[in-house]
Amino acid sequence: MSAFNQTPDQAFRARELHELLGMPTDEASVNITRSRLGRLTRQGFLTQPGRGRCQKRT
């Protein structure tokens, strides 16, 4: 959530978040992040402005 708080108007893909935060970019790690982003979207913390992209709800 820190990346979303720093740039609330920017939408990210899971792989972009991994690169931004210096996390491993292997497919398994990115898939876990995709799952977490989906959960945060369903809970209302994030919106999905485009397919595969997540942005902080304003």
PDB file of N, CA and C in Angstrom:
ATOM      1  N   MET A   1       0.827  -1.197   0.000  1.00  0.00           N
ATOM      2  CA  MET A   1       0.000   0.000   0.000  1.00  0.00           C
ATOM      3  C   MET A   1       0.869   1.259   0.000  1.00  0.00           C
ATOM      4  N   SER A   2       2.123   1.162   0.422  1.00  0.00           N
ATOM      5  CA  SER A   2       2.965   2.361   0.469  1.00  0.00           C
ATOM      6  C   SER A   2       3.162   2.966  -0.920  1.00  0.00           C
ATOM      7  N   ALA A   3       3.323   2.142  -1.942  1.00  0.00           N
ATOM      8  CA  ALA A   3       3.486   2.658  -3.306  1.00  0.00           C
ATOM      9  C   ALA A   3       2.221   3.393  -3.748  1.00  0.00           C
ATOM     10  N   PHE A   4       1.064   2.876  -3.381  1.00  0.00           N
ATOM     11  CA  PHE A   4      -0.197   3.524  -3.740  1.00  0.00           C
ATOM     12  C   PHE A   4      -0.375   4.827  -2.971  1.00  0.00           C
ATOM     13  N   ASN A   5       0.073   4.864  -1.717  1.00  0.00           N
ATOM     14  CA  ASN A   5      -0.038   6.096  -0.921  1.00  0.00           C
ATOM     15  C   ASN A   5       0.891   7.185  -1.431  1.00  0.00           C
ATOM     16  N   GLN A   6       2.076   6.802  -1.920  1.00  0.00           N
ATOM     17  CA  GLN A   6       3.033   7.785  -2.426  1.00  0.00           C
ATOM     18  C   GLN A   6       2.569   8.396  -3.745  1.00  0.00           C
ATOM     19  N   THR A   7       1.913   7.610  -4.586  1.00  0.00           N
ATOM     20  CA  THR A   7       1.436   8.090  -5.885  1.00  0.00           C
ATOM     21  C   THR A   7      -0.012   7.661  -6.067  1.00  0.00           C
ATOM     22  N   PRO A   8      -0.956   8.339  -5.388  1.00  0.00           N
ATOM     23  CA  PRO A   8      -2.354   7.889  -5.397  1.00  0.00           C
ATOM     24  C   PRO A   8      -3.038   7.966  -6.757  1.00  0.00           C
ATOM     25  N   ASP A   9      -2.521   8.780  -7.677  1.00  0.00           N
ATOM     26  CA  ASP A   9      -3.175   8.925  -8.981  1.00  0.00           C
ATOM     27  C   ASP A   9      -2.637   7.960 -10.027  1.00  0.00           C
ATOM     28  N   GLN A  10      -1.632   7.168  -9.686  1.00  0.00           N
ATOM     29  CA  GLN A  10      -1.017   6.275 -10.659  1.00  0.00           C
ATOM     30  C   GLN A  10      -1.551   4.853 -10.499  1.00  0.00           C
ATOM     31  N   ALA A  11      -1.808   4.200 -11.628  1.00  0.00           N
ATOM     32  CA  ALA A  11      -2.239   2.801 -11.629  1.00  0.00           C
ATOM     33  C   ALA A  11      -1.022   1.920 -11.877  1.00  0.00           C
ATOM     34  N   PHE A  12      -0.953   0.792 -11.181  1.00  0.00           N
ATOM     35  CA  PHE A  12       0.183  -0.115 -11.283  1.00  0.00           C
ATOM     36  C   PHE A  12      -0.268  -1.504 -11.705  1.00  0.00           C
ATOM     37  N   ARG A  13       0.610  -2.199 -12.382  1.00  0.00           N
ATOM     38  CA  ARG A  13       0.479  -3.634 -12.609  1.00  0.00           C
ATOM     39  C   ARG A  13       1.289  -4.324 -11.518  1.00  0.00           C
ATOM     40  N   ALA A  14       1.006  -5.580 -11.251  1.00  0.00           N
ATOM     41  CA  ALA A  14       1.697  -6.316 -10.188  1.00  0.00           C
ATOM     42  C   ALA A  14       3.205  -6.345 -10.439  1.00  0.00           C
ATOM     43  N   ARG A  15       3.616  -6.610 -11.661  1.00  0.00           N
ATOM     44  CA  ARG A  15       5.053  -6.671 -11.970  1.00  0.00           C
ATOM     45  C   ARG A  15       5.718  -5.304 -11.761  1.00  0.00           C
ATOM     46  N   GLU A  16       5.025  -4.225 -12.097  1.00  0.00           N
ATOM     47  CA  GLU A  16       5.564  -2.886 -11.886  1.00  0.00           C
ATOM     48  C   GLU A  16       5.778  -2.606 -10.398  1.00  0.00           C
ATOM     49  N   LEU A  17       4.849  -3.057  -9.566  1.00  0.00           N
ATOM     50  CA  LEU A  17       5.011  -2.889  -8.119  1.00  0.00           C
ATOM     51  C   LEU A  17       6.232  -3.636  -7.622  1.00  0.00           C
ATOM     52  N   HIS A  18       6.431  -4.844  -8.114  1.00  0.00           N
ATOM     53  CA  HIS A  18       7.601  -5.627  -7.705  1.00  0.00           C
ATOM     54  C   HIS A  18       8.888  -4.907  -8.069  1.00  0.00           C
ATOM     55  N   GLU A  19       8.958  -4.377  -9.279  1.00  0.00           N
ATOM     56  CA  GLU A  19      10.153  -3.658  -9.712  1.00  0.00           C
ATOM     57  C   GLU A  19      10.359  -2.388  -8.889  1.00  0.00           C
ATOM     58  N   LEU A  20       9.289  -1.663  -8.623  1.00  0.00           N
ATOM     59  CA  LEU A  20       9.365  -0.426  -7.856  1.00  0.00           C
ATOM     60  C   LEU A  20       9.848  -0.680  -6.429  1.00  0.00           C
ATOM     61  N   LEU A  21       9.371  -1.766  -5.827  1.00  0.00           N
ATOM     62  CA  LEU A  21       9.697  -2.068  -4.438  1.00  0.00           C
ATOM     63  C   LEU A  21      10.930  -2.947  -4.292  1.00  0.00           C
ATOM     64  N   GLY A  22      11.553  -3.330  -5.411  1.00  0.00           N
ATOM     65  CA  GLY A  22      12.759  -4.155  -5.345  1.00  0.00           C
ATOM     66  C   GLY A  22      12.489  -5.590  -4.939  1.00  0.00           C
ATOM     67  N   MET A  23      11.293  -6.079  -5.222  1.00  0.00           N
ATOM     68  CA  MET A  23      10.923  -7.461  -4.896  1.00  0.00           C
ATOM     69  C   MET A  23      11.266  -8.367  -6.071  1.00  0.00           C
ATOM     70  N   PRO A  24      11.371  -9.676  -5.832  1.00  0.00           N
ATOM     71  CA  PRO A  24      11.651 -10.597  -6.943  1.00  0.00           C
ATOM     72  C   PRO A  24      10.536 -10.557  -7.984  1.00  0.00           C
ATOM     73  N   THR A  25      10.907 -10.693  -9.246  1.00  0.00           N
ATOM     74  CA  THR A  25       9.918 -10.600 -10.319  1.00  0.00           C
ATOM     75  C   THR A  25       9.639 -11.955 -10.965  1.00  0.00           C
ATOM     76  N   ASP A  26       9.930 -13.040 -10.250  1.00  0.00           N
ATOM     77  CA  ASP A  26       9.589 -14.351 -10.804  1.00  0.00           C
ATOM     78  C   ASP A  26       8.069 -14.508 -10.814  1.00  0.00           C
ATOM     79  N   GLU A  27       7.597 -15.362 -11.691  1.00  0.00           N
ATOM     80  CA  GLU A  27       6.151 -15.481 -11.936  1.00  0.00           C
ATOM     81  C   GLU A  27       5.361 -15.854 -10.681  1.00  0.00           C
ATOM     82  N   ALA A  28       5.907 -16.727  -9.844  1.00  0.00           N
ATOM     83  CA  ALA A  28       5.188 -17.148  -8.631  1.00  0.00           C
ATOM     84  C   ALA A  28       4.975 -15.961  -7.680  1.00  0.00           C
ATOM     85  N   SER A  29       6.004 -15.164  -7.489  1.00  0.00           N
ATOM     86  CA  SER A  29       5.892 -14.005  -6.590  1.00  0.00           C
ATOM     87  C   SER A  29       4.904 -12.977  -7.132  1.00  0.00           C
ATOM     88  N   VAL A  30       4.940 -12.739  -8.427  1.00  0.00           N
ATOM     89  CA  VAL A  30       4.042 -11.763  -9.040  1.00  0.00           C
ATOM     90  C   VAL A  30       2.596 -12.255  -8.955  1.00  0.00           C
ATOM     91  N   ASN A  31       2.374 -13.553  -9.109  1.00  0.00           N
ATOM     92  CA  ASN A  31       1.020 -14.103  -9.003  1.00  0.00           C
ATOM     93  C   ASN A  31       0.455 -13.930  -7.596  1.00  0.00           C
ATOM     94  N   ILE A  32       1.285 -14.068  -6.587  1.00  0.00           N
ATOM     95  CA  ILE A  32       0.835 -13.851  -5.207  1.00  0.00           C
ATOM     96  C   ILE A  32       0.403 -12.399  -5.033  1.00  0.00           C
ATOM     97  N   THR A  33       1.181 -11.481  -5.592  1.00  0.00           N
ATOM     98  CA  THR A  33       0.833 -10.065  -5.503  1.00  0.00           C
ATOM     99  C   THR A  33      -0.459  -9.779  -6.261  1.00  0.00           C
ATOM    100  N   ARG A  34      -0.642 -10.405  -7.422  1.00  0.00           N
ATOM    101  CA  ARG A  34      -1.895 -10.224  -8.168  1.00  0.00           C
ATOM    102  C   ARG A  34      -3.083 -10.650  -7.319  1.00  0.00           C
ATOM    103  N   SER A  35      -2.935 -11.756  -6.617  1.00  0.00           N
ATOM    104  CA  SER A  35      -3.997 -12.245  -5.748  1.00  0.00           C
ATOM    105  C   SER A  35      -4.288 -11.239  -4.632  1.00  0.00           C
ATOM    106  N   ARG A  36      -3.248 -10.698  -4.042  1.00  0.00           N
ATOM    107  CA  ARG A  36      -3.427  -9.715  -2.963  1.00  0.00           C
ATOM    108  C   ARG A  36      -4.072  -8.434  -3.478  1.00  0.00           C
ATOM    109  N   LEU A  37      -3.658  -8.003  -4.672  1.00  0.00           N
ATOM    110  CA  LEU A  37      -4.263  -6.808  -5.255  1.00  0.00           C
ATOM    111  C   LEU A  37      -5.745  -7.033  -5.539  1.00  0.00           C
ATOM    112  N   GLY A  38      -6.091  -8.225  -5.993  1.00  0.00           N
ATOM    113  CA  GLY A  38      -7.492  -8.554  -6.222  1.00  0.00           C
ATOM    114  C   GLY A  38      -8.296  -8.509  -4.939  1.00  0.00           C
ATOM    115  N   ARG A  39      -7.715  -9.013  -3.867  1.00  0.00           N
ATOM    116  CA  ARG A  39      -8.392  -8.997  -2.568  1.00  0.00           C
ATOM    117  C   ARG A  39      -8.594  -7.554  -2.093  1.00  0.00           C
ATOM    118  N   LEU A  40      -7.561  -6.713  -2.238  1.00  0.00           N
ATOM    119  CA  LEU A  40      -7.687  -5.309  -1.834  1.00  0.00           C
ATOM    120  C   LEU A  40      -8.715  -4.571  -2.690  1.00  0.00           C
ATOM    121  N   THR A  41      -8.834  -4.964  -3.949  1.00  0.00           N
ATOM    122  CA  THR A  41      -9.851  -4.362  -4.820  1.00  0.00           C
ATOM    123  C   THR A  41     -11.246  -4.767  -4.368  1.00  0.00           C
ATOM    124  N   ARG A  42     -11.439  -6.037  -4.077  1.00  0.00           N
ATOM    125  CA  ARG A  42     -12.750  -6.512  -3.608  1.00  0.00           C
ATOM    126  C   ARG A  42     -13.134  -5.888  -2.275  1.00  0.00           C
ATOM    127  N   GLN A  43     -12.143  -5.602  -1.431  1.00  0.00           N
ATOM    128  CA  GLN A  43     -12.419  -5.001  -0.124  1.00  0.00           C
ATOM    129  C   GLN A  43     -12.647  -3.493  -0.209  1.00  0.00           C
ATOM    130  N   GLY A  44     -12.383  -2.905  -1.386  1.00  0.00           N
ATOM    131  CA  GLY A  44     -12.663  -1.496  -1.583  1.00  0.00           C
ATOM    132  C   GLY A  44     -11.505  -0.551  -1.347  1.00  0.00           C
ATOM    133  N   PHE A  45     -10.313  -1.055  -1.099  1.00  0.00           N
ATOM    134  CA  PHE A  45      -9.157  -0.194  -0.895  1.00  0.00           C
ATOM    135  C   PHE A  45      -8.585   0.309  -2.218  1.00  0.00           C
ATOM    136  N   LEU A  46      -8.720  -0.499  -3.269  1.00  0.00           N
ATOM    137  CA  LEU A  46      -8.191  -0.162  -4.583  1.00  0.00           C
ATOM    138  C   LEU A  46      -9.305  -0.205  -5.617  1.00  0.00           C
ATOM    139  N   THR A  47      -9.076   0.462  -6.750  1.00  0.00           N
ATOM    140  CA  THR A  47      -9.972   0.356  -7.894  1.00  0.00           C
ATOM    141  C   THR A  47      -9.184  -0.264  -9.036  1.00  0.00           C
ATOM    142  N   GLN A  48      -9.889  -0.682 -10.056  1.00  0.00           N
ATOM    143  CA  GLN A  48      -9.247  -1.295 -11.207  1.00  0.00           C
ATOM    144  C   GLN A  48      -9.612  -0.478 -12.458  1.00  0.00           C
ATOM    145  N   PRO A  49      -8.787   0.552 -12.783  1.00  0.00           N
ATOM    146  CA  PRO A  49      -9.113   1.414 -13.916  1.00  0.00           C
ATOM    147  C   PRO A  49      -8.944   0.743 -15.279  1.00  0.00           C
ATOM    148  N   GLY A  50      -8.243  -0.347 -15.320  1.00  0.00           N
ATOM    149  CA  GLY A  50      -8.033  -1.097 -16.558  1.00  0.00           C
ATOM    150  C   GLY A  50      -7.689  -2.524 -16.208  1.00  0.00           C
ATOM    151  N   ARG A  51      -7.751  -3.386 -17.189  1.00  0.00           N
ATOM    152  CA  ARG A  51      -7.469  -4.799 -16.937  1.00  0.00           C
ATOM    153  C   ARG A  51      -6.034  -4.970 -16.446  1.00  0.00           C
ATOM    154  N   GLY A  52      -5.887  -5.586 -15.276  1.00  0.00           N
ATOM    155  CA  GLY A  52      -4.573  -5.856 -14.706  1.00  0.00           C
ATOM    156  C   GLY A  52      -3.924  -4.679 -14.014  1.00  0.00           C
ATOM    157  N   ARG A  53      -4.618  -3.575 -13.917  1.00  0.00           N
ATOM    158  CA  ARG A  53      -4.058  -2.382 -13.283  1.00  0.00           C
ATOM    159  C   ARG A  53      -4.868  -2.052 -12.024  1.00  0.00           C
ATOM    160  N   CYS A  54      -4.163  -1.620 -10.990  1.00  0.00           N
ATOM    161  CA  CYS A  54      -4.830  -1.249  -9.741  1.00  0.00           C
ATOM    162  C   CYS A  54      -4.374   0.135  -9.328  1.00  0.00           C
ATOM    163  N   GLN A  55      -5.310   0.860  -8.718  1.00  0.00           N
ATOM    164  CA  GLN A  55      -5.062   2.238  -8.296  1.00  0.00           C
ATOM    165  C   GLN A  55      -5.756   2.449  -6.970  1.00  0.00           C
ATOM    166  N   LYS A  56      -5.191   3.331  -6.147  1.00  0.00           N
ATOM    167  CA  LYS A  56      -5.786   3.641  -4.858  1.00  0.00           C
ATOM    168  C   LYS A  56      -7.142   4.310  -5.062  1.00  0.00           C
ATOM    169  N   ARG A  57      -8.122   3.884  -4.293  1.00  0.00           N
ATOM    170  CA  ARG A  57      -9.458   4.501  -4.347  1.00  0.00           C
ATOM    171  C   ARG A  57      -9.364   5.879  -3.703  1.00  0.00           C
ATOM    172  N   THR A  58      -9.900   6.865  -4.383  1.00  0.00           N
ATOM    173  CA  THR A  58      -9.843   8.235  -3.848  1.00  0.00           C
ATOM    174  C   THR A  58     -11.155   8.648  -3.241  1.00  0.00           C
TER     175      THR A  58
END
